[in-house]
Amino acid sequence: MSEKTSSIWFKDYTKDMLESMRNANMGEHIGIEFYDIGDDYLEATMPVDERTRQPFGILHGGANCVLSESLGSVAAWMTIDPEKYRAVGLEINANHIRAVTEGRVIGRCTPFHVGRRTQVWQTEIREEATGKLACVSRLTVAIIDHGSLSTQKDKIVVK
């Protein structure tokens, strides 16, 4: 864990706190584990195995997107007051640069823009064994009031 000085986070989060959030969700299912928290970045690892490979034996592009969205969403959440706001993904894109067939990848998520209502996060995913870039992804996140999703759902009328 990196030593804290001045950071962009709303409070002092620890890797253990983030790991405790991994309870029966997508990240846990495919083996994502938080790895490091810096002053302005968040890292996690993901295995390249039967859960994350596509039928041709290489890391699935969708798994890269799951790692990127998991990192970006959590990083965005770490910058806001979770009692007042939620961070929800709006758009994600990914460029798959290099095939990975085994081992683990490490995603490092850093901010492009941390605004009051929108945020943009970039994740570089590298093969752990070689350090070579496998994917680069960008996630746009909306910051909404904590009750916004429930309120919207209550107003939906199904005919």
Protein backbone atom coordinates (compact mmCIF):
# COMPACT_ATOMS: atom_id res chain seq x y z
CA MET A 1 0.00 0.00 0.00
CA SER A 2 1.31 3.41 -0.92
CA GLU A 3 1.99 5.95 1.80
CA LYS A 4 -0.67 8.70 1.98
CA THR A 5 0.20 12.38 1.69
CA SER A 6 -2.46 14.40 -0.10
CA SER A 7 -5.07 12.57 -2.12
CA ILE A 8 -8.24 13.01 -4.17
CA TRP A 9 -10.23 10.56 -2.02
CA PHE A 10 -13.16 11.70 0.14
CA LYS A 11 -11.69 9.84 3.13
CA ASP A 12 -8.81 7.51 3.90
CA TYR A 13 -9.85 4.23 2.30
CA THR A 14 -7.77 1.10 2.73
CA LYS A 15 -7.36 -1.95 0.54
CA ASP A 16 -9.05 -4.03 3.26
CA MET A 17 -12.09 -1.72 3.23
CA LEU A 18 -12.40 -2.13 -0.53
CA GLU A 19 -11.92 -5.89 -0.36
CA SER A 20 -14.78 -6.10 2.16
CA MET A 21 -17.09 -4.70 -0.56
CA ARG A 22 -16.46 -7.78 -2.73
CA ASN A 23 -19.56 -9.72 -1.72
CA ALA A 24 -21.30 -11.79 -4.38
CA ASN A 25 -20.81 -9.32 -7.20
CA MET A 26 -19.25 -9.49 -10.68
CA GLY A 27 -15.76 -8.58 -9.47
CA GLU A 28 -15.72 -11.36 -6.92
CA HIS A 29 -17.13 -13.84 -9.43
CA ILE A 30 -14.26 -13.34 -11.89
CA GLY A 31 -11.54 -12.94 -9.26
CA ILE A 32 -10.84 -9.20 -9.23
CA GLU A 33 -8.86 -8.18 -6.14
CA PHE A 34 -7.94 -4.64 -5.09
CA TYR A 35 -4.17 -4.30 -5.15
CA ASP A 36 -3.09 -0.75 -4.31
CA ILE A 37 -4.43 2.72 -3.53
CA GLY A 38 -2.33 5.78 -4.29
CA ASP A 39 -3.03 9.48 -3.90
CA ASP A 40 -4.72 9.59 -7.30
CA TYR A 41 -4.96 6.01 -8.55
CA LEU A 42 -6.56 2.67 -7.73
CA GLU A 43 -5.20 -0.72 -8.82
CA ALA A 44 -6.69 -4.20 -8.96
CA THR A 45 -5.64 -7.56 -10.35
CA MET A 46 -7.66 -10.06 -12.37
CA PRO A 47 -6.75 -13.65 -13.25
CA VAL A 48 -6.59 -14.84 -16.82
CA ASP A 49 -8.32 -18.20 -16.41
CA GLU A 50 -11.49 -20.12 -17.35
CA ARG A 51 -13.62 -17.30 -15.86
CA THR A 52 -12.06 -14.53 -17.94
CA ARG A 53 -10.90 -16.14 -21.20
CA GLN A 54 -12.97 -16.17 -24.39
CA PRO A 55 -13.48 -19.44 -26.35
CA PHE A 56 -10.19 -18.97 -28.26
CA GLY A 57 -8.07 -19.01 -25.09
CA ILE A 58 -7.27 -15.30 -24.70
CA LEU A 59 -8.43 -12.75 -22.16
CA HIS A 60 -11.99 -11.73 -23.02
CA GLY A 61 -12.46 -8.08 -23.97
CA GLY A 62 -15.57 -8.00 -21.79
CA ALA A 63 -13.49 -9.07 -18.79
CA ASN A 64 -11.18 -6.11 -19.46
CA CYS A 65 -14.27 -3.87 -19.45
CA VAL A 66 -15.47 -5.39 -16.17
CA LEU A 67 -12.07 -4.69 -14.58
CA SER A 68 -12.07 -1.14 -15.94
CA GLU A 69 -15.64 -0.38 -14.87
CA SER A 70 -15.08 -1.92 -11.46
CA LEU A 71 -11.99 0.22 -10.88
CA GLY A 72 -13.50 3.41 -12.31
CA SER A 73 -16.79 3.09 -10.45
CA VAL A 74 -15.10 2.40 -7.13
CA ALA A 75 -12.55 5.18 -7.69
CA ALA A 76 -15.36 7.64 -8.49
CA TRP A 77 -17.25 6.50 -5.37
CA MET A 78 -14.09 7.06 -3.30
CA THR A 79 -14.08 10.77 -4.30
CA ILE A 80 -17.65 11.53 -3.16
CA ASP A 81 -19.62 11.57 0.09
CA PRO A 82 -21.34 8.15 -0.12
CA GLU A 83 -24.06 9.30 2.27
CA LYS A 84 -25.19 11.93 -0.27
CA TYR A 85 -24.19 10.67 -3.72
CA ARG A 86 -23.81 7.64 -5.97
CA ALA A 87 -21.40 7.09 -8.85
CA VAL A 88 -22.93 5.32 -11.87
CA GLY A 89 -21.34 4.45 -15.19
CA LEU A 90 -22.53 6.31 -18.30
CA GLU A 91 -20.16 5.09 -21.01
CA ILE A 92 -17.17 2.79 -21.35
CA ASN A 93 -14.81 2.11 -24.23
CA ALA A 94 -11.80 -0.13 -24.51
CA ASN A 95 -8.96 -0.68 -26.94
CA HIS A 96 -7.57 -4.19 -26.71
CA ILE A 97 -3.88 -3.84 -27.53
CA ARG A 98 -2.33 -7.22 -26.81
CA ALA A 99 -3.61 -10.75 -26.17
CA VAL A 100 -2.99 -12.32 -22.76
CA THR A 101 -3.43 -16.09 -22.35
CA GLU A 102 -2.46 -16.85 -18.75
CA GLY A 103 -1.39 -15.39 -15.42
CA ARG A 104 -2.86 -12.14 -14.16
CA VAL A 105 -3.39 -8.63 -15.37
CA ILE A 106 -3.13 -5.46 -13.28
CA GLY A 107 -5.43 -2.53 -13.94
CA ARG A 108 -4.39 0.97 -12.88
CA CYS A 109 -7.16 3.55 -12.89
CA THR A 110 -6.41 7.29 -12.92
CA PRO A 111 -8.67 10.33 -13.32
CA PHE A 112 -8.96 12.50 -16.44
CA HIS A 113 -11.69 14.64 -14.89
CA VAL A 114 -13.20 14.66 -11.40
CA GLY A 115 -16.13 17.07 -11.48
CA ARG A 116 -19.14 17.67 -9.30
CA ARG A 117 -21.56 15.82 -11.63
CA THR A 118 -19.35 13.86 -14.06
CA GLN A 119 -16.04 12.07 -13.87
CA VAL A 120 -13.82 10.41 -16.48
CA TRP A 121 -11.41 7.62 -15.49
CA GLN A 122 -8.76 5.85 -17.58
CA THR A 123 -7.61 2.33 -16.84
CA GLU A 124 -4.47 0.79 -18.26
CA ILE A 125 -4.47 -3.00 -18.02
CA ARG A 126 -1.06 -4.65 -18.16
CA GLU A 127 0.08 -8.25 -18.18
CA GLU A 128 1.60 -8.82 -14.74
CA ALA A 129 4.43 -11.08 -15.97
CA THR A 130 5.75 -8.71 -18.65
CA GLY A 131 4.32 -5.29 -17.76
CA LYS A 132 3.16 -4.97 -21.38
CA LEU A 133 0.00 -2.97 -22.11
CA ALA A 134 -2.93 -5.26 -22.93
CA CYS A 135 -5.83 -2.80 -22.89
CA VAL A 136 -6.61 0.85 -22.32
CA SER A 137 -10.12 1.85 -21.32
CA ARG A 138 -12.01 5.03 -20.47
CA LEU A 139 -15.10 5.20 -18.24
CA THR A 140 -17.43 8.18 -17.89
CA VAL A 141 -19.32 8.29 -14.59
CA ALA A 142 -22.31 10.37 -13.48
CA ILE A 143 -22.50 11.57 -9.89
CA ILE A 144 -26.14 11.50 -8.81
CA ASP A 145 -27.99 12.20 -5.59
CA HIS A 146 -28.14 9.12 -3.37
CA GLY A 147 -31.91 8.68 -3.72
CA SER A 148 -32.06 9.29 -7.48
CA LEU A 149 -32.26 5.68 -8.65
CA SER A 150 -35.07 4.68 -6.26
CA THR A 151 -37.06 7.80 -7.12
CA GLN A 152 -36.73 7.12 -10.84
CA LYS A 153 -37.83 3.50 -10.44
CA ASP A 154 -40.94 4.54 -8.50
CA LYS A 155 -42.01 6.81 -11.40
CA ILE A 156 -41.76 4.11 -14.07
CA VAL A 157 -45.15 2.81 -15.19
CA VAL A 158 -45.23 -0.53 -16.99
CA LYS A 159 -48.22 -1.03 -19.31
